Amino acid sequence: MTSDMDDDVDALADELANRLHLGGRSEAILFALRASLAAAGDDSLIRRDRLLEVMNSEIWPLLQDGEPISKAERENILGLNPSTGV
């Protein structure tokens, strides 16, 4: 199985090296790994920043400062019946 995987890796690295006119397999693998890391890091940072922006501008301003709501208030908001719990 390892040999099949190695063959697949070699074939993909050769294809990437040919398409991008890179020096060889090692260069193609380095390029692909760096691109994957950059894409994964940037995407998660962008999503986090967008979420924080929405929370700061849309959600948190709607919340009032003060006492947290009681369990009974929370259950009422959720539509739960205190006697059955459902």
N, C-alpha and C. Protein backbone atom coordinates (compact mmCIF):
# COMPACT_ATOMS: atom_id res chain seq x y z
N MET A 1 0.82 -1.20 0.00
CA MET A 1 0.00 0.00 0.00
C MET A 1 0.87 1.26 0.00
N THR A 2 1.95 1.23 0.73
CA THR A 2 2.85 2.39 0.78
C THR A 2 3.42 2.68 -0.60
N SER A 3 3.74 1.64 -1.33
CA SER A 3 4.28 1.83 -2.67
C SER A 3 3.26 2.49 -3.59
N ASP A 4 1.98 2.10 -3.47
CA ASP A 4 0.93 2.74 -4.26
C ASP A 4 0.81 4.21 -3.91
N MET A 5 0.89 4.49 -2.62
CA MET A 5 0.79 5.88 -2.18
C MET A 5 1.99 6.67 -2.69
N ASP A 6 3.16 6.10 -2.59
CA ASP A 6 4.36 6.76 -3.09
C ASP A 6 4.24 7.03 -4.59
N ASP A 7 3.69 6.07 -5.32
CA ASP A 7 3.51 6.25 -6.76
C ASP A 7 2.54 7.40 -7.04
N ASP A 8 1.46 7.47 -6.25
CA ASP A 8 0.49 8.56 -6.42
C ASP A 8 1.13 9.91 -6.10
N VAL A 9 1.88 9.97 -5.02
CA VAL A 9 2.55 11.22 -4.63
C VAL A 9 3.53 11.64 -5.72
N ASP A 10 4.30 10.68 -6.21
CA ASP A 10 5.27 10.99 -7.27
C ASP A 10 4.56 11.51 -8.52
N ALA A 11 3.46 10.86 -8.90
CA ALA A 11 2.74 11.27 -10.11
C ALA A 11 2.16 12.67 -9.94
N LEU A 12 1.55 12.94 -8.77
CA LEU A 12 0.98 14.28 -8.54
C LEU A 12 2.08 15.34 -8.48
N ALA A 13 3.18 15.02 -7.84
CA ALA A 13 4.29 15.98 -7.76
C ALA A 13 4.86 16.26 -9.14
N ASP A 14 5.00 15.22 -9.95
CA ASP A 14 5.49 15.42 -11.32
C ASP A 14 4.52 16.29 -12.13
N GLU A 15 3.22 16.03 -11.98
CA GLU A 15 2.22 16.81 -12.73
C GLU A 15 2.26 18.27 -12.31
N LEU A 16 2.33 18.52 -10.99
CA LEU A 16 2.39 19.90 -10.51
C LEU A 16 3.67 20.59 -10.97
N ALA A 17 4.78 19.89 -10.91
CA ALA A 17 6.05 20.46 -11.36
C ALA A 17 5.99 20.82 -12.83
N ASN A 18 5.38 19.95 -13.64
CA ASN A 18 5.26 20.24 -15.07
C ASN A 18 4.34 21.42 -15.34
N ARG A 19 3.20 21.44 -14.66
CA ARG A 19 2.23 22.53 -14.90
C ARG A 19 2.78 23.89 -14.49
N LEU A 20 3.51 23.91 -13.37
CA LEU A 20 4.02 25.18 -12.86
C LEU A 20 5.46 25.46 -13.26
N HIS A 21 6.02 24.58 -14.07
CA HIS A 21 7.40 24.73 -14.54
C HIS A 21 8.37 24.85 -13.37
N LEU A 22 8.22 23.95 -12.41
CA LEU A 22 9.10 23.92 -11.24
C LEU A 22 10.26 22.98 -11.51
N GLY A 23 11.24 23.01 -10.63
CA GLY A 23 12.46 22.24 -10.83
C GLY A 23 12.32 20.74 -10.65
N GLY A 24 11.31 20.29 -9.96
CA GLY A 24 11.16 18.85 -9.76
C GLY A 24 10.14 18.54 -8.68
N ARG A 25 10.14 17.27 -8.28
CA ARG A 25 9.14 16.80 -7.31
C ARG A 25 9.25 17.53 -5.97
N SER A 26 10.45 17.63 -5.45
CA SER A 26 10.62 18.26 -4.14
C SER A 26 10.11 19.69 -4.15
N GLU A 27 10.44 20.42 -5.18
CA GLU A 27 9.98 21.80 -5.30
C GLU A 27 8.45 21.86 -5.40
N ALA A 28 7.87 20.93 -6.15
CA ALA A 28 6.42 20.89 -6.29
C ALA A 28 5.74 20.56 -4.97
N ILE A 29 6.31 19.62 -4.22
CA ILE A 29 5.73 19.25 -2.93
C ILE A 29 5.84 20.42 -1.95
N LEU A 30 6.99 21.09 -1.91
CA LEU A 30 7.14 22.27 -1.05
C LEU A 30 6.14 23.36 -1.42
N PHE A 31 5.97 23.59 -2.71
CA PHE A 31 5.02 24.60 -3.18
C PHE A 31 3.61 24.26 -2.71
N ALA A 32 3.22 23.00 -2.89
CA ALA A 32 1.86 22.57 -2.53
C ALA A 32 1.63 22.66 -1.03
N LEU A 33 2.61 22.26 -0.24
CA LEU A 33 2.46 22.33 1.22
C LEU A 33 2.38 23.77 1.70
N ARG A 34 3.22 24.63 1.16
CA ARG A 34 3.17 26.05 1.55
C ARG A 34 1.84 26.68 1.15
N ALA A 35 1.35 26.35 -0.04
CA ALA A 35 0.06 26.89 -0.49
C ALA A 35 -1.07 26.40 0.40
N SER A 36 -1.03 25.14 0.81
CA SER A 36 -2.07 24.59 1.68
C SER A 36 -2.05 25.26 3.04
N LEU A 37 -0.86 25.43 3.61
CA LEU A 37 -0.76 26.10 4.91
C LEU A 37 -1.23 27.55 4.84
N ALA A 38 -0.86 28.23 3.79
CA ALA A 38 -1.28 29.63 3.64
C ALA A 38 -2.78 29.73 3.50
N ALA A 39 -3.37 28.85 2.71
CA ALA A 39 -4.81 28.89 2.49
C ALA A 39 -5.56 28.56 3.78
N ALA A 40 -5.10 27.57 4.51
CA ALA A 40 -5.77 27.18 5.74
C ALA A 40 -5.66 28.28 6.79
N GLY A 41 -4.52 28.88 6.91
CA GLY A 41 -4.33 29.93 7.90
C GLY A 41 -5.10 31.18 7.57
N ASP A 42 -5.03 31.63 6.35
CA ASP A 42 -5.70 32.86 5.95
C ASP A 42 -7.21 32.73 6.07
N ASP A 43 -7.74 31.61 5.64
CA ASP A 43 -9.19 31.42 5.65
C ASP A 43 -9.73 31.45 7.07
N SER A 44 -9.07 30.76 7.98
CA SER A 44 -9.58 30.73 9.35
C SER A 44 -9.43 32.09 10.02
N LEU A 45 -8.37 32.83 9.72
CA LEU A 45 -8.22 34.16 10.28
C LEU A 45 -9.28 35.11 9.74
N ILE A 46 -9.57 35.01 8.46
CA ILE A 46 -10.58 35.86 7.86
C ILE A 46 -11.95 35.57 8.46
N ARG A 47 -12.28 34.28 8.62
CA ARG A 47 -13.57 33.91 9.22
C ARG A 47 -13.67 34.41 10.65
N ARG A 48 -12.58 34.26 11.41
CA ARG A 48 -12.59 34.72 12.80
C ARG A 48 -12.80 36.23 12.86
N ASP A 49 -12.08 36.96 12.02
CA ASP A 49 -12.21 38.41 12.01
C ASP A 49 -13.62 38.85 11.62
N ARG A 50 -14.21 38.17 10.63
CA ARG A 50 -15.58 38.50 10.22
C ARG A 50 -16.57 38.23 11.35
N LEU A 51 -16.39 37.10 12.04
CA LEU A 51 -17.28 36.77 13.15
C LEU A 51 -17.17 37.80 14.25
N LEU A 52 -15.96 38.18 14.62
CA LEU A 52 -15.78 39.19 15.66
C LEU A 52 -16.37 40.54 15.24
N GLU A 53 -16.23 40.88 13.98
CA GLU A 53 -16.79 42.14 13.49
C GLU A 53 -18.31 42.14 13.62
N VAL A 54 -18.95 41.03 13.25
CA VAL A 54 -20.41 40.93 13.36
C VAL A 54 -20.83 40.95 14.83
N MET A 55 -20.10 40.23 15.67
CA MET A 55 -20.44 40.23 17.09
C MET A 55 -20.32 41.64 17.67
N ASN A 56 -19.25 42.36 17.32
CA ASN A 56 -19.05 43.71 17.84
C ASN A 56 -20.08 44.70 17.32
N SER A 57 -20.45 44.59 16.06
CA SER A 57 -21.33 45.60 15.47
C SER A 57 -22.81 45.25 15.54
N GLU A 58 -23.15 43.97 15.55
CA GLU A 58 -24.56 43.58 15.45
C GLU A 58 -25.12 42.91 16.71
N ILE A 59 -24.35 42.09 17.36
CA ILE A 59 -24.89 41.28 18.45
C ILE A 59 -24.69 41.94 19.81
N TRP A 60 -23.45 42.21 20.18
CA TRP A 60 -23.18 42.73 21.51
C TRP A 60 -23.87 44.06 21.80
N PRO A 61 -24.04 44.97 20.84
CA PRO A 61 -24.77 46.20 21.15
C PRO A 61 -26.24 45.95 21.54
N LEU A 62 -26.81 44.83 21.13
CA LEU A 62 -28.20 44.52 21.47
C LEU A 62 -28.35 44.02 22.91
N LEU A 63 -27.27 43.57 23.49
CA LEU A 63 -27.33 43.02 24.84
C LEU A 63 -27.28 44.15 25.86
N GLN A 64 -28.11 44.03 26.88
CA GLN A 64 -28.15 45.04 27.92
C GLN A 64 -27.21 44.64 29.05
N ASP A 65 -26.57 45.64 29.63
CA ASP A 65 -25.74 45.38 30.80
C ASP A 65 -26.66 45.10 31.98
N GLY A 66 -26.23 44.27 32.86
CA GLY A 66 -27.04 44.02 34.06
C GLY A 66 -26.99 42.57 34.47
N GLU A 67 -28.02 42.20 35.20
CA GLU A 67 -28.11 40.86 35.75
C GLU A 67 -28.35 39.84 34.65
N PRO A 68 -27.73 38.67 34.77
CA PRO A 68 -28.05 37.59 33.82
C PRO A 68 -29.50 37.15 34.03
N ILE A 69 -30.09 36.58 33.00
CA ILE A 69 -31.47 36.13 33.14
C ILE A 69 -31.52 34.89 34.03
N SER A 70 -32.65 34.72 34.67
CA SER A 70 -32.82 33.57 35.56
C SER A 70 -33.10 32.31 34.75
N LYS A 71 -33.03 31.17 35.42
CA LYS A 71 -33.32 29.90 34.75
C LYS A 71 -34.76 29.89 34.26
N ALA A 72 -35.68 30.41 35.05
CA ALA A 72 -37.10 30.43 34.66
C ALA A 72 -37.29 31.31 33.41
N GLU A 73 -36.61 32.47 33.37
CA GLU A 73 -36.72 33.34 32.20
C GLU A 73 -36.14 32.66 30.96
N ARG A 74 -35.01 32.00 31.14
CA ARG A 74 -34.37 31.30 30.02
C ARG A 74 -35.28 30.19 29.49
N GLU A 75 -35.89 29.42 30.39
CA GLU A 75 -36.79 28.35 29.96
C GLU A 75 -38.01 28.92 29.25
N ASN A 76 -38.52 30.05 29.73
CA ASN A 76 -39.67 30.69 29.09
C ASN A 76 -39.31 31.16 27.69
N ILE A 77 -38.13 31.76 27.53
CA ILE A 77 -37.68 32.22 26.21
C ILE A 77 -37.56 31.04 25.25
N LEU A 78 -37.06 29.91 25.76
CA LEU A 78 -36.89 28.72 24.92
C LEU A 78 -38.18 27.95 24.72
N GLY A 79 -39.24 28.37 25.40
CA GLY A 79 -40.53 27.69 25.24
C GLY A 79 -40.61 26.37 25.98
N LEU A 80 -39.81 26.23 27.03
CA LEU A 80 -39.83 24.99 27.80
C LEU A 80 -40.90 25.05 28.88
N ASN A 81 -41.52 23.93 29.15
CA ASN A 81 -42.51 23.83 30.21
C ASN A 81 -41.78 23.40 31.48
N PRO A 82 -41.81 24.23 32.53
CA PRO A 82 -41.06 23.91 33.74
C PRO A 82 -41.49 22.59 34.39
N SER A 83 -42.75 22.22 34.24
CA SER A 83 -43.20 20.98 34.89
C SER A 83 -42.72 19.73 34.16
N THR A 84 -42.58 19.80 32.85
CA THR A 84 -42.15 18.62 32.08
C THR A 84 -40.70 18.72 31.63
N GLY A 85 -40.16 19.94 31.58
CA GLY A 85 -38.80 20.11 31.11
C GLY A 85 -38.67 20.08 29.60
N VAL A 86 -39.80 20.00 28.92
CA VAL A 86 -39.80 19.94 27.45
C VAL A 86 -40.58 21.09 26.89
